[in-house]
Amino acid sequence: MSEKILVTGGAGFIGSNFVPYFLAAHPDIVLVNLDKMTYAADERNLAEVQGNPNYIFVKGDITDKELVEKIFAEHDIRGVIHFAAESHVDNSIKGPEIFVKTNVLGTFTLLETARRHWMDAPGVVKAGYEKCRFHHISTDEVYGTLGETGFFTETTPYAPNSPYSASKASSDMLVRAYYHTYGMNVTTSNCSNNYGPKQHGEKLIPTIIRKCLNGENIPIYGDGKNIRDWLYVLDHCKAIDLIWRKGRSGETYNIGGRNERNNLQIVDSICSILDREVPRKEGKYKDLVTFVKDRAGHDRRYAIDATKLETELGWKADENFDTGIVKTVEWYLKNKR
């Protein structure tokens, strides 16, 4: 009988890239995908796994205790890979409550259900459940902001500056507590900004592409010099799989692409590719750039030091930004989203 693991939020951006990758890499595992199918999810993202006998979809909310308990009981869940989260900073500024409910209470519900299913008492794992693991996907935004130099490491103090990052920091602390209090087998990963196929249109890179193709102004916050470290989504998926299989229990691993770019550089890259692939009738795509009022509490720079992941587990990103952004733009041109 195949082992079953639970993936939450598998119809979102990162999750829907992870699910096909994981099913192909582990043909002996059945994957149960629990997704609420909010505005950020898209059933088209998982068209390639429909009909796969090792894939089971359940529509529902991670804060629904009865449903989560039913899934664990029916499928005898032996692992959790937890993507599900509200993740858009602007939305967290406008309406923070759902971020606390989903990201904090939802993570708690999953942890507590897993603990009851896998453990008899603190430090006592049920016979046959010794290899069960809970992996929690988080963000570099929990660390706050950096100056012009330096990098976030796994020991950087938490200093979240938005309701979104505060909710993710809270969920990270819950995962940590379940390790130190109960001895539960957990790992956490904090990643830099992801990009690639299937990303929701509200995010920066899909927005730039869409605005260009529609001939609309490209809105850039402030002076456009906020810096992020960009990670191609499939490289992130490979890292998560590696940590889930080989990471040390109780540890956090930072995942970064070593591809720092400011927003103006991102726009330049995308506009240059589009100028080449689908040139405008008049002028260049960069002519559409317009600067708008900066986001409240906008962190200036994020940058990840992924040395621990690289040295301990042998991970290395396959894409750099120059190769990954071409693949990303081409996907959007082909899929018209």
C-alpha atoms as a PDB file:
ATOM      1  CA  MET A   1       0.000   0.000   0.000  1.00  0.00           C
ATOM      2  CA  SER A   2       1.465   3.360  -1.036  1.00  0.00           C
ATOM      3  CA  GLU A   3       2.390   5.906   1.605  1.00  0.00           C
ATOM      4  CA  LYS A   4       0.205   9.017   1.507  1.00  0.00           C
ATOM      5  CA  ILE A   5       1.367  12.543   2.219  1.00  0.00           C
ATOM      6  CA  LEU A   6      -0.664  15.735   2.500  1.00  0.00           C
ATOM      7  CA  VAL A   7       0.245  18.830   0.486  1.00  0.00           C
ATOM      8  CA  THR A   8      -1.649  21.998   1.354  1.00  0.00           C
ATOM      9  CA  GLY A   9      -2.197  24.780  -1.169  1.00  0.00           C
ATOM     10  CA  GLY A  10      -1.168  22.625  -4.093  1.00  0.00           C
ATOM     11  CA  ALA A  11      -3.225  24.628  -6.599  1.00  0.00           C
ATOM     12  CA  GLY A  12      -1.390  27.866  -5.878  1.00  0.00           C
ATOM     13  CA  PHE A  13       1.730  29.120  -7.633  1.00  0.00           C
ATOM     14  CA  ILE A  14       4.537  27.232  -5.889  1.00  0.00           C
ATOM     15  CA  GLY A  15       2.369  24.264  -4.906  1.00  0.00           C
ATOM     16  CA  SER A  16       1.171  23.653  -8.468  1.00  0.00           C
ATOM     17  CA  ASN A  17       4.772  23.568  -9.676  1.00  0.00           C
ATOM     18  CA  PHE A  18       5.707  21.246  -6.805  1.00  0.00           C
ATOM     19  CA  VAL A  19       2.891  18.707  -7.227  1.00  0.00           C
ATOM     20  CA  PRO A  20       3.816  17.479 -10.767  1.00  0.00           C
ATOM     21  CA  TYR A  21       7.521  17.525  -9.881  1.00  0.00           C
ATOM     22  CA  PHE A  22       6.969  15.506  -6.693  1.00  0.00           C
ATOM     23  CA  LEU A  23       4.654  12.944  -8.295  1.00  0.00           C
ATOM     24  CA  ALA A  24       7.214  12.319 -11.042  1.00  0.00           C
ATOM     25  CA  ALA A  25      10.093  12.079  -8.556  1.00  0.00           C
ATOM     26  CA  HIS A  26       8.216   9.754  -6.144  1.00  0.00           C
ATOM     27  CA  PRO A  27       6.007   7.322  -8.091  1.00  0.00           C
ATOM     28  CA  ASP A  28       5.617   5.216  -4.924  1.00  0.00           C
ATOM     29  CA  ILE A  29       3.879   7.998  -2.954  1.00  0.00           C
ATOM     30  CA  VAL A  30       0.240   9.120  -3.123  1.00  0.00           C
ATOM     31  CA  LEU A  31      -0.183  12.878  -2.797  1.00  0.00           C
ATOM     32  CA  VAL A  32      -3.336  14.328  -1.225  1.00  0.00           C
ATOM     33  CA  ASN A  33      -3.752  18.001  -2.134  1.00  0.00           C
ATOM     34  CA  LEU A  34      -5.910  20.089   0.223  1.00  0.00           C
ATOM     35  CA  ASP A  35      -6.688  23.488  -1.290  1.00  0.00           C
ATOM     36  CA  LYS A  36      -9.397  26.026  -0.480  1.00  0.00           C
ATOM     37  CA  MET A  37      -9.324  27.253  -4.110  1.00  0.00           C
ATOM     38  CA  THR A  38      -9.281  30.949  -3.224  1.00  0.00           C
ATOM     39  CA  TYR A  39      -8.739  33.605  -5.887  1.00  0.00           C
ATOM     40  CA  ALA A  40      -5.000  32.743  -5.832  1.00  0.00           C
ATOM     41  CA  ALA A  41      -5.567  29.119  -6.918  1.00  0.00           C
ATOM     42  CA  ASP A  42      -6.244  27.958 -10.466  1.00  0.00           C
ATOM     43  CA  GLU A  43      -7.446  24.492 -11.459  1.00  0.00           C
ATOM     44  CA  ARG A  44      -5.654  24.904 -14.803  1.00  0.00           C
ATOM     45  CA  ASN A  45      -2.392  24.822 -12.858  1.00  0.00           C
ATOM     46  CA  LEU A  46      -2.869  21.123 -12.144  1.00  0.00           C
ATOM     47  CA  ALA A  47      -4.259  19.936 -15.477  1.00  0.00           C
ATOM     48  CA  GLU A  48      -1.128  17.851 -16.050  1.00  0.00           C
ATOM     49  CA  VAL A  49      -1.774  15.616 -13.004  1.00  0.00           C
ATOM     50  CA  GLN A  50      -5.511  15.063 -13.481  1.00  0.00           C
ATOM     51  CA  GLY A  51      -6.065  11.342 -13.862  1.00  0.00           C
ATOM     52  CA  ASN A  52      -2.807  10.432 -12.128  1.00  0.00           C
ATOM     53  CA  PRO A  53      -3.717   7.509  -9.824  1.00  0.00           C
ATOM     54  CA  ASN A  54      -1.304   8.839  -7.193  1.00  0.00           C
ATOM     55  CA  TYR A  55      -3.029  12.233  -6.982  1.00  0.00           C
ATOM     56  CA  ILE A  56      -6.075  13.006  -4.812  1.00  0.00           C
ATOM     57  CA  PHE A  57      -7.653  16.467  -4.619  1.00  0.00           C
ATOM     58  CA  VAL A  58      -9.675  17.676  -1.633  1.00  0.00           C
ATOM     59  CA  LYS A  59     -11.287  21.108  -1.653  1.00  0.00           C
ATOM     60  CA  GLY A  60     -11.267  22.639   1.796  1.00  0.00           C
ATOM     61  CA  ASP A  61      -9.792  24.997   4.355  1.00  0.00           C
ATOM     62  CA  ILE A  62      -6.750  24.196   6.500  1.00  0.00           C
ATOM     63  CA  THR A  63      -8.529  25.870   9.443  1.00  0.00           C
ATOM     64  CA  ASP A  64     -11.345  23.293   9.253  1.00  0.00           C
ATOM     65  CA  LYS A  65     -10.387  20.943  12.108  1.00  0.00           C
ATOM     66  CA  GLU A  66     -12.962  18.280  11.256  1.00  0.00           C
ATOM     67  CA  LEU A  67     -11.920  18.121   7.609  1.00  0.00           C
ATOM     68  CA  VAL A  68      -8.194  17.994   8.382  1.00  0.00           C
ATOM     69  CA  GLU A  69      -8.815  15.241  10.945  1.00  0.00           C
ATOM     70  CA  LYS A  70     -10.913  13.303   8.420  1.00  0.00           C
ATOM     71  CA  ILE A  71      -8.140  13.497   5.800  1.00  0.00           C
ATOM     72  CA  PHE A  72      -5.532  12.236   8.274  1.00  0.00           C
ATOM     73  CA  ALA A  73      -7.787   9.395   9.411  1.00  0.00           C
ATOM     74  CA  GLU A  74      -9.039   8.301   5.965  1.00  0.00           C
ATOM     75  CA  HIS A  75      -5.652   8.398   4.257  1.00  0.00           C
ATOM     76  CA  ASP A  76      -3.368   7.638   7.229  1.00  0.00           C
ATOM     77  CA  ILE A  77      -1.244  10.655   6.319  1.00  0.00           C
ATOM     78  CA  ARG A  78       2.491  10.047   6.830  1.00  0.00           C
ATOM     79  CA  GLY A  79       3.876  13.466   5.957  1.00  0.00           C
ATOM     80  CA  VAL A  80       2.830  17.076   5.429  1.00  0.00           C
ATOM     81  CA  ILE A  81       4.286  19.641   3.029  1.00  0.00           C
ATOM     82  CA  HIS A  82       2.581  22.892   3.944  1.00  0.00           C
ATOM     83  CA  PHE A  83       2.352  25.596   1.250  1.00  0.00           C
ATOM     84  CA  ALA A  84      -1.126  26.987   1.922  1.00  0.00           C
ATOM     85  CA  ALA A  85      -0.977  30.652   2.899  1.00  0.00           C
ATOM     86  CA  GLU A  86      -2.306  34.086   2.177  1.00  0.00           C
ATOM     87  CA  SER A  87       0.763  35.725   0.673  1.00  0.00           C
ATOM     88  CA  HIS A  88       0.129  39.086  -0.975  1.00  0.00           C
ATOM     89  CA  VAL A  89       1.571  41.939   1.110  1.00  0.00           C
ATOM     90  CA  ASP A  90      -0.759  44.602  -0.317  1.00  0.00           C
ATOM     91  CA  ASN A  91      -3.785  42.476   0.592  1.00  0.00           C
ATOM     92  CA  SER A  92      -2.459  41.996   4.139  1.00  0.00           C
ATOM     93  CA  ILE A  93      -2.262  45.777   4.552  1.00  0.00           C
ATOM     94  CA  LYS A  94      -5.864  46.225   3.394  1.00  0.00           C
ATOM     95  CA  GLY A  95      -7.311  43.242   5.285  1.00  0.00           C
ATOM     96  CA  PRO A  96      -4.976  41.498   7.752  1.00  0.00           C
ATOM     97  CA  GLU A  97      -7.507  39.248   9.527  1.00  0.00           C
ATOM     98  CA  ILE A  98      -7.585  36.454   6.914  1.00  0.00           C
ATOM     99  CA  PHE A  99      -3.768  36.334   7.038  1.00  0.00           C
ATOM    100  CA  VAL A 100      -3.855  35.615  10.766  1.00  0.00           C
ATOM    101  CA  LYS A 101      -6.616  33.023  10.365  1.00  0.00           C
ATOM    102  CA  THR A 102      -5.054  31.111   7.473  1.00  0.00           C
ATOM    103  CA  ASN A 103      -1.369  31.463   8.189  1.00  0.00           C
ATOM    104  CA  VAL A 104      -1.419  31.147  11.978  1.00  0.00           C
ATOM    105  CA  LEU A 105      -4.579  29.222  12.900  1.00  0.00           C
ATOM    106  CA  GLY A 106      -4.359  27.047   9.774  1.00  0.00           C
ATOM    107  CA  THR A 107      -0.773  26.055  10.512  1.00  0.00           C
ATOM    108  CA  PHE A 108      -1.721  25.302  14.125  1.00  0.00           C
ATOM    109  CA  THR A 109      -4.618  23.088  12.995  1.00  0.00           C
ATOM    110  CA  LEU A 110      -2.327  21.066  10.740  1.00  0.00           C
ATOM    111  CA  LEU A 111       0.400  20.739  13.372  1.00  0.00           C
ATOM    112  CA  GLU A 112      -1.983  19.672  16.104  1.00  0.00           C
ATOM    113  CA  THR A 113      -3.736  17.108  13.900  1.00  0.00           C
ATOM    114  CA  ALA A 114      -0.391  15.674  12.781  1.00  0.00           C
ATOM    115  CA  ARG A 115       0.820  15.495  16.381  1.00  0.00           C
ATOM    116  CA  ARG A 116      -2.240  13.560  17.509  1.00  0.00           C
ATOM    117  CA  HIS A 117      -2.032  11.231  14.517  1.00  0.00           C
ATOM    118  CA  TRP A 118       1.701  10.515  14.759  1.00  0.00           C
ATOM    119  CA  MET A 119       2.535  10.757  18.473  1.00  0.00           C
ATOM    120  CA  ASP A 120       1.391   9.210  21.752  1.00  0.00           C
ATOM    121  CA  ALA A 121       3.013  11.780  24.070  1.00  0.00           C
ATOM    122  CA  PRO A 122       5.745  14.431  24.012  1.00  0.00           C
ATOM    123  CA  GLY A 123       8.855  12.704  22.719  1.00  0.00           C
ATOM    124  CA  VAL A 124       6.957   9.454  22.058  1.00  0.00           C
ATOM    125  CA  VAL A 125       6.224   8.658  18.408  1.00  0.00           C
ATOM    126  CA  LYS A 126       3.656   5.967  17.591  1.00  0.00           C
ATOM    127  CA  ALA A 127       5.097   2.695  16.321  1.00  0.00           C
ATOM    128  CA  GLY A 128       5.345   2.793  12.536  1.00  0.00           C
ATOM    129  CA  TYR A 129       5.192   6.606  12.382  1.00  0.00           C
ATOM    130  CA  GLU A 130       8.858   7.296  13.085  1.00  0.00           C
ATOM    131  CA  LYS A 131       9.567   8.734   9.636  1.00  0.00           C
ATOM    132  CA  CYS A 132       6.582  11.075   9.468  1.00  0.00           C
ATOM    133  CA  ARG A 133       7.642  14.662   8.866  1.00  0.00           C
ATOM    134  CA  PHE A 134       5.959  18.082   8.767  1.00  0.00           C
ATOM    135  CA  HIS A 135       7.659  20.530   6.388  1.00  0.00           C
ATOM    136  CA  HIS A 136       6.632  24.174   6.592  1.00  0.00           C
ATOM    137  CA  ILE A 137       7.245  26.594   3.707  1.00  0.00           C
ATOM    138  CA  SER A 138       7.906  30.161   4.819  1.00  0.00           C
ATOM    139  CA  THR A 139       9.430  33.371   3.491  1.00  0.00           C
ATOM    140  CA  ASP A 140      12.493  35.586   3.868  1.00  0.00           C
ATOM    141  CA  GLU A 141      10.146  38.464   4.733  1.00  0.00           C
ATOM    142  CA  VAL A 142      10.052  37.278   8.371  1.00  0.00           C
ATOM    143  CA  TYR A 143      13.585  38.699   8.755  1.00  0.00           C
ATOM    144  CA  GLY A 144      12.562  42.277   7.955  1.00  0.00           C
ATOM    145  CA  THR A 145      14.786  44.396   5.756  1.00  0.00           C
ATOM    146  CA  LEU A 146      18.503  44.605   4.980  1.00  0.00           C
ATOM    147  CA  GLY A 147      20.807  47.523   4.311  1.00  0.00           C
ATOM    148  CA  GLU A 148      22.959  47.730   1.218  1.00  0.00           C
ATOM    149  CA  THR A 149      25.122  44.808   2.358  1.00  0.00           C
ATOM    150  CA  GLY A 150      24.686  41.539   4.235  1.00  0.00           C
ATOM    151  CA  PHE A 151      22.419  38.510   3.872  1.00  0.00           C
ATOM    152  CA  PHE A 152      19.690  36.743   5.788  1.00  0.00           C
ATOM    153  CA  THR A 153      20.901  33.518   7.400  1.00  0.00           C
ATOM    154  CA  GLU A 154      19.038  30.945   9.469  1.00  0.00           C
ATOM    155  CA  THR A 155      20.165  32.767  12.643  1.00  0.00           C
ATOM    156  CA  THR A 156      19.019  36.255  11.572  1.00  0.00           C
ATOM    157  CA  PRO A 157      16.601  37.614  14.221  1.00  0.00           C
ATOM    158  CA  TYR A 158      12.975  37.856  13.127  1.00  0.00           C
ATOM    159  CA  ALA A 159      11.731  41.404  12.459  1.00  0.00           C
ATOM    160  CA  PRO A 160       8.574  41.201  10.291  1.00  0.00           C
ATOM    161  CA  ASN A 161       7.306  44.545   9.017  1.00  0.00           C
ATOM    162  CA  SER A 162       3.948  43.731   7.368  1.00  0.00           C
ATOM    163  CA  PRO A 163       0.855  41.863   8.587  1.00  0.00           C
ATOM    164  CA  TYR A 164       1.713  39.156   6.036  1.00  0.00           C
ATOM    165  CA  SER A 165       5.276  38.638   7.266  1.00  0.00           C
ATOM    166  CA  ALA A 166       4.118  38.834  10.899  1.00  0.00           C
ATOM    167  CA  SER A 167       1.616  36.035  10.261  1.00  0.00           C
ATOM    168  CA  LYS A 168       4.292  33.880   8.621  1.00  0.00           C
ATOM    169  CA  ALA A 169       6.719  34.580  11.489  1.00  0.00           C
ATOM    170  CA  SER A 170       4.012  33.440  13.905  1.00  0.00           C
ATOM    171  CA  SER A 171       3.481  30.193  11.999  1.00  0.00           C
ATOM    172  CA  ASP A 172       7.246  29.577  11.940  1.00  0.00           C
ATOM    173  CA  MET A 173       7.316  29.918  15.728  1.00  0.00           C
ATOM    174  CA  LEU A 174       4.497  27.397  16.117  1.00  0.00           C
ATOM    175  CA  VAL A 175       6.414  24.859  14.011  1.00  0.00           C
ATOM    176  CA  ARG A 176       9.512  25.469  16.133  1.00  0.00           C
ATOM    177  CA  ALA A 177       7.480  24.999  19.329  1.00  0.00           C
ATOM    178  CA  TYR A 178       6.105  21.639  18.190  1.00  0.00           C
ATOM    179  CA  TYR A 179       9.677  20.424  17.730  1.00  0.00           C
ATOM    180  CA  HIS A 180      10.995  21.687  21.054  1.00  0.00           C
ATOM    181  CA  THR A 181       7.905  20.855  23.143  1.00  0.00           C
ATOM    182  CA  TYR A 182       6.690  17.608  21.586  1.00  0.00           C
ATOM    183  CA  GLY A 183       9.741  16.338  19.722  1.00  0.00           C
ATOM    184  CA  MET A 184       7.744  16.352  16.498  1.00  0.00           C
ATOM    185  CA  ASN A 185       9.727  15.782  13.295  1.00  0.00           C
ATOM    186  CA  VAL A 186       9.537  19.181  11.596  1.00  0.00           C
ATOM    187  CA  THR A 187      11.572  21.234   9.136  1.00  0.00           C
ATOM    188  CA  THR A 188      11.081  24.795   7.890  1.00  0.00           C
ATOM    189  CA  SER A 189      12.329  26.569   4.778  1.00  0.00           C
ATOM    190  CA  ASN A 190      12.427  30.332   4.246  1.00  0.00           C
ATOM    191  CA  CYS A 191      12.654  31.279   0.593  1.00  0.00           C
ATOM    192  CA  SER A 192      13.348  34.410  -1.391  1.00  0.00           C
ATOM    193  CA  ASN A 193      10.985  35.811  -4.056  1.00  0.00           C
ATOM    194  CA  ASN A 194       9.818  33.087  -6.427  1.00  0.00           C
ATOM    195  CA  TYR A 195       9.064  33.572 -10.108  1.00  0.00           C
ATOM    196  CA  GLY A 196       8.194  31.287 -13.002  1.00  0.00           C
ATOM    197  CA  PRO A 197       5.197  29.621 -14.691  1.00  0.00           C
ATOM    198  CA  LYS A 198       1.721  29.676 -13.091  1.00  0.00           C
ATOM    199  CA  GLN A 199       2.267  32.692 -10.830  1.00  0.00           C
ATOM    200  CA  HIS A 200      -0.861  34.687 -10.011  1.00  0.00           C
ATOM    201  CA  GLY A 201      -1.327  37.845 -12.042  1.00  0.00           C
ATOM    202  CA  GLU A 202      -1.253  40.132  -8.971  1.00  0.00           C
ATOM    203  CA  LYS A 203       2.487  39.564  -8.448  1.00  0.00           C
ATOM    204  CA  LEU A 204       5.199  41.809  -9.900  1.00  0.00           C
ATOM    205  CA  ILE A 205       6.533  39.791 -12.837  1.00  0.00           C
ATOM    206  CA  PRO A 206       3.158  38.625 -14.250  1.00  0.00           C
ATOM    207  CA  THR A 207       1.875  42.184 -13.811  1.00  0.00           C
ATOM    208  CA  ILE A 208       4.759  43.630 -15.829  1.00  0.00           C
ATOM    209  CA  ILE A 209       4.230  41.073 -18.615  1.00  0.00           C
ATOM    210  CA  ARG A 210       0.461  41.617 -18.727  1.00  0.00           C
ATOM    211  CA  LYS A 211       0.711  45.405 -18.712  1.00  0.00           C
ATOM    212  CA  CYS A 212       3.254  45.305 -21.529  1.00  0.00           C
ATOM    213  CA  LEU A 213       1.138  43.042 -23.715  1.00  0.00           C
ATOM    214  CA  ASN A 214      -1.973  45.172 -23.069  1.00  0.00           C
ATOM    215  CA  GLY A 215      -0.119  48.412 -23.820  1.00  0.00           C
ATOM    216  CA  GLU A 216      -0.904  49.725 -20.323  1.00  0.00           C
ATOM    217  CA  ASN A 217       1.257  51.675 -17.888  1.00  0.00           C
ATOM    218  CA  ILE A 218       3.582  49.487 -15.802  1.00  0.00           C
ATOM    219  CA  PRO A 219       3.225  50.609 -12.157  1.00  0.00           C
ATOM    220  CA  ILE A 220       6.474  50.606 -10.166  1.00  0.00           C
ATOM    221  CA  TYR A 221       6.478  51.443  -6.450  1.00  0.00           C
ATOM    222  CA  GLY A 222       8.567  54.404  -5.252  1.00  0.00           C
ATOM    223  CA  ASP A 223      11.881  54.783  -7.055  1.00  0.00           C
ATOM    224  CA  GLY A 224      11.915  51.157  -8.270  1.00  0.00           C
ATOM    225  CA  LYS A 225      15.125  50.381  -6.409  1.00  0.00           C
ATOM    226  CA  ASN A 226      13.749  47.919  -3.852  1.00  0.00           C
ATOM    227  CA  ILE A 227      15.927  44.823  -4.139  1.00  0.00           C
ATOM    228  CA  ARG A 228      14.861  41.175  -3.944  1.00  0.00           C
ATOM    229  CA  ASP A 229      16.707  37.890  -4.379  1.00  0.00           C
ATOM    230  CA  TRP A 230      14.870  35.992  -7.139  1.00  0.00           C
ATOM    231  CA  LEU A 231      14.455  32.202  -7.095  1.00  0.00           C
ATOM    232  CA  TYR A 232      13.100  30.193 -10.033  1.00  0.00           C
ATOM    233  CA  VAL A 233      10.116  28.198  -8.770  1.00  0.00           C
ATOM    234  CA  LEU A 234      11.314  24.774  -9.941  1.00  0.00           C
ATOM    235  CA  ASP A 235      14.616  25.281  -8.093  1.00  0.00           C
ATOM    236  CA  HIS A 236      12.546  26.007  -4.993  1.00  0.00           C
ATOM    237  CA  CYS A 237      10.515  22.805  -5.518  1.00  0.00           C
ATOM    238  CA  LYS A 238      13.694  20.742  -5.780  1.00  0.00           C
ATOM    239  CA  ALA A 239      14.990  22.282  -2.557  1.00  0.00           C
ATOM    240  CA  ILE A 240      11.764  21.515  -0.682  1.00  0.00           C
ATOM    241  CA  ASP A 241      11.849  17.883  -1.817  1.00  0.00           C
ATOM    242  CA  LEU A 242      15.472  17.622  -0.695  1.00  0.00           C
ATOM    243  CA  ILE A 243      14.783  19.140   2.726  1.00  0.00           C
ATOM    244  CA  TRP A 244      11.713  16.937   3.213  1.00  0.00           C
ATOM    245  CA  ARG A 245      13.781  13.828   2.473  1.00  0.00           C
ATOM    246  CA  LYS A 246      17.175  14.665   3.979  1.00  0.00           C
ATOM    247  CA  GLY A 247      16.958  17.769   6.168  1.00  0.00           C
ATOM    248  CA  ARG A 248      17.703  17.515   9.877  1.00  0.00           C
ATOM    249  CA  SER A 249      14.667  17.524  12.137  1.00  0.00           C
ATOM    250  CA  GLY A 250      14.060  20.820  13.905  1.00  0.00           C
ATOM    251  CA  GLU A 251      16.204  22.755  11.433  1.00  0.00           C
ATOM    252  CA  THR A 252      15.465  25.732   9.217  1.00  0.00           C
ATOM    253  CA  TYR A 253      16.953  26.040   5.728  1.00  0.00           C
ATOM    254  CA  ASN A 254      17.081  29.262   3.748  1.00  0.00           C
ATOM    255  CA  ILE A 255      16.510  28.926  -0.007  1.00  0.00           C
ATOM    256  CA  GLY A 256      17.761  31.718  -2.241  1.00  0.00           C
ATOM    257  CA  GLY A 257      18.714  32.117  -5.862  1.00  0.00           C
ATOM    258  CA  ARG A 258      21.709  34.451  -5.381  1.00  0.00           C
ATOM    259  CA  ASN A 259      20.042  36.658  -7.999  1.00  0.00           C
ATOM    260  CA  GLU A 260      19.604  40.102  -6.511  1.00  0.00           C
ATOM    261  CA  ARG A 261      17.722  42.491  -8.766  1.00  0.00           C
ATOM    262  CA  ASN A 262      15.898  45.743  -8.135  1.00  0.00           C
ATOM    263  CA  ASN A 263      12.481  46.334  -9.662  1.00  0.00           C
ATOM    264  CA  LEU A 264      13.865  48.548 -12.430  1.00  0.00           C
ATOM    265  CA  GLN A 265      16.227  45.752 -13.479  1.00  0.00           C
ATOM    266  CA  ILE A 266      13.303  43.305 -13.507  1.00  0.00           C
ATOM    267  CA  VAL A 267      11.345  45.632 -15.794  1.00  0.00           C
ATOM    268  CA  ASP A 268      14.362  46.097 -18.071  1.00  0.00           C
ATOM    269  CA  SER A 269      14.859  42.342 -18.435  1.00  0.00           C
ATOM    270  CA  ILE A 270      11.217  41.627 -19.247  1.00  0.00           C
ATOM    271  CA  CYS A 271      10.862  44.571 -21.630  1.00  0.00           C
ATOM    272  CA  SER A 272      14.010  43.542 -23.499  1.00  0.00           C
ATOM    273  CA  ILE A 273      12.712  39.996 -23.988  1.00  0.00           C
ATOM    274  CA  LEU A 274       9.308  41.271 -25.175  1.00  0.00           C
ATOM    275  CA  ASP A 275      10.927  43.825 -27.490  1.00  0.00           C
ATOM    276  CA  ARG A 276      12.644  40.864 -29.133  1.00  0.00           C
ATOM    277  CA  GLU A 277       9.759  38.364 -29.061  1.00  0.00           C
ATOM    278  CA  VAL A 278       6.691  40.558 -29.725  1.00  0.00           C
ATOM    279  CA  PRO A 279       7.850  44.109 -30.540  1.00  0.00           C
ATOM    280  CA  ARG A 280       5.458  47.042 -30.153  1.00  0.00           C
ATOM    281  CA  LYS A 281       4.261  48.886 -33.234  1.00  0.00           C
ATOM    282  CA  GLU A 282       5.522  52.135 -31.770  1.00  0.00           C
ATOM    283  CA  GLY A 283       8.319  52.612 -29.241  1.00  0.00           C
ATOM    284  CA  LYS A 284       9.688  50.221 -26.629  1.00  0.00           C
ATOM    285  CA  TYR A 285       7.879  48.450 -23.781  1.00  0.00           C
ATOM    286  CA  LYS A 286      10.017  50.327 -21.260  1.00  0.00           C
ATOM    287  CA  ASP A 287       8.225  53.527 -22.333  1.00  0.00           C
ATOM    288  CA  LEU A 288       5.196  52.221 -20.392  1.00  0.00           C
ATOM    289  CA  VAL A 289       6.934  52.389 -16.979  1.00  0.00           C
ATOM    290  CA  THR A 290       5.237  54.757 -14.522  1.00  0.00           C
ATOM    291  CA  PHE A 291       6.140  55.356 -10.872  1.00  0.00           C
ATOM    292  CA  VAL A 292       3.417  55.159  -8.211  1.00  0.00           C
ATOM    293  CA  LYS A 293       3.251  55.909  -4.484  1.00  0.00           C
ATOM    294  CA  ASP A 294       5.339  53.463  -2.496  1.00  0.00           C
ATOM    295  CA  ARG A 295       3.761  50.638  -0.501  1.00  0.00           C
ATOM    296  CA  ALA A 296       3.381  51.274   3.258  1.00  0.00           C
ATOM    297  CA  GLY A 297       6.240  49.657   5.209  1.00  0.00           C
ATOM    298  CA  HIS A 298       7.958  48.570   1.992  1.00  0.00           C
ATOM    299  CA  ASP A 299      11.156  46.668   2.883  1.00  0.00           C
ATOM    300  CA  ARG A 300      14.133  47.976   0.931  1.00  0.00           C
ATOM    301  CA  ARG A 301      16.227  44.868   0.372  1.00  0.00           C
ATOM    302  CA  TYR A 302      16.069  41.104   0.906  1.00  0.00           C
ATOM    303  CA  ALA A 303      18.939  38.724   0.183  1.00  0.00           C
ATOM    304  CA  ILE A 304      19.317  35.093   1.221  1.00  0.00           C
ATOM    305  CA  ASP A 305      22.455  33.187   2.162  1.00  0.00           C
ATOM    306  CA  ALA A 306      21.696  29.582   1.122  1.00  0.00           C
ATOM    307  CA  THR A 307      25.076  28.203   2.250  1.00  0.00           C
ATOM    308  CA  LYS A 308      23.576  25.829   4.837  1.00  0.00           C
ATOM    309  CA  LEU A 309      21.302  24.196   2.254  1.00  0.00           C
ATOM    310  CA  GLU A 310      24.103  24.033  -0.305  1.00  0.00           C
ATOM    311  CA  THR A 311      26.730  22.550   2.016  1.00  0.00           C
ATOM    312  CA  GLU A 312      24.568  20.233   4.150  1.00  0.00           C
ATOM    313  CA  LEU A 313      22.228  18.861   1.480  1.00  0.00           C
ATOM    314  CA  GLY A 314      24.087  19.618  -1.770  1.00  0.00           C
ATOM    315  CA  TRP A 315      21.391  21.821  -3.296  1.00  0.00           C
ATOM    316  CA  LYS A 316      22.264  24.166  -6.121  1.00  0.00           C
ATOM    317  CA  ALA A 317      19.960  26.328  -8.233  1.00  0.00           C
ATOM    318  CA  ASP A 318      19.825  25.181 -11.859  1.00  0.00           C
ATOM    319  CA  GLU A 319      18.565  28.532 -13.161  1.00  0.00           C
ATOM    320  CA  ASN A 320      20.020  31.991 -12.860  1.00  0.00           C
ATOM    321  CA  PHE A 321      17.757  34.979 -13.363  1.00  0.00           C
ATOM    322  CA  ASP A 322      18.795  35.539 -16.967  1.00  0.00           C
ATOM    323  CA  THR A 323      17.783  31.993 -17.974  1.00  0.00           C
ATOM    324  CA  GLY A 324      14.757  31.728 -15.699  1.00  0.00           C
ATOM    325  CA  ILE A 325      13.142  34.980 -16.770  1.00  0.00           C
ATOM    326  CA  VAL A 326      13.255  33.939 -20.437  1.00  0.00           C
ATOM    327  CA  LYS A 327      11.448  30.676 -19.582  1.00  0.00           C
ATOM    328  CA  THR A 328       8.933  32.624 -17.511  1.00  0.00           C
ATOM    329  CA  VAL A 329       8.103  35.211 -20.189  1.00  0.00           C
ATOM    330  CA  GLU A 330       7.804  32.485 -22.821  1.00  0.00           C
ATOM    331  CA  TRP A 331       5.350  30.569 -20.621  1.00  0.00           C
ATOM    332  CA  TYR A 332       3.133  33.638 -20.230  1.00  0.00           C
ATOM    333  CA  LEU A 333       3.255  34.376 -23.945  1.00  0.00           C
ATOM    334  CA  LYS A 334       2.157  30.817 -24.648  1.00  0.00           C
ATOM    335  CA  ASN A 335      -0.518  30.629 -21.962  1.00  0.00           C
ATOM    336  CA  LYS A 336      -1.937  34.170 -22.213  1.00  0.00           C
ATOM    337  CA  ARG A 337      -2.572  34.721 -18.511  1.00  0.00           C
END
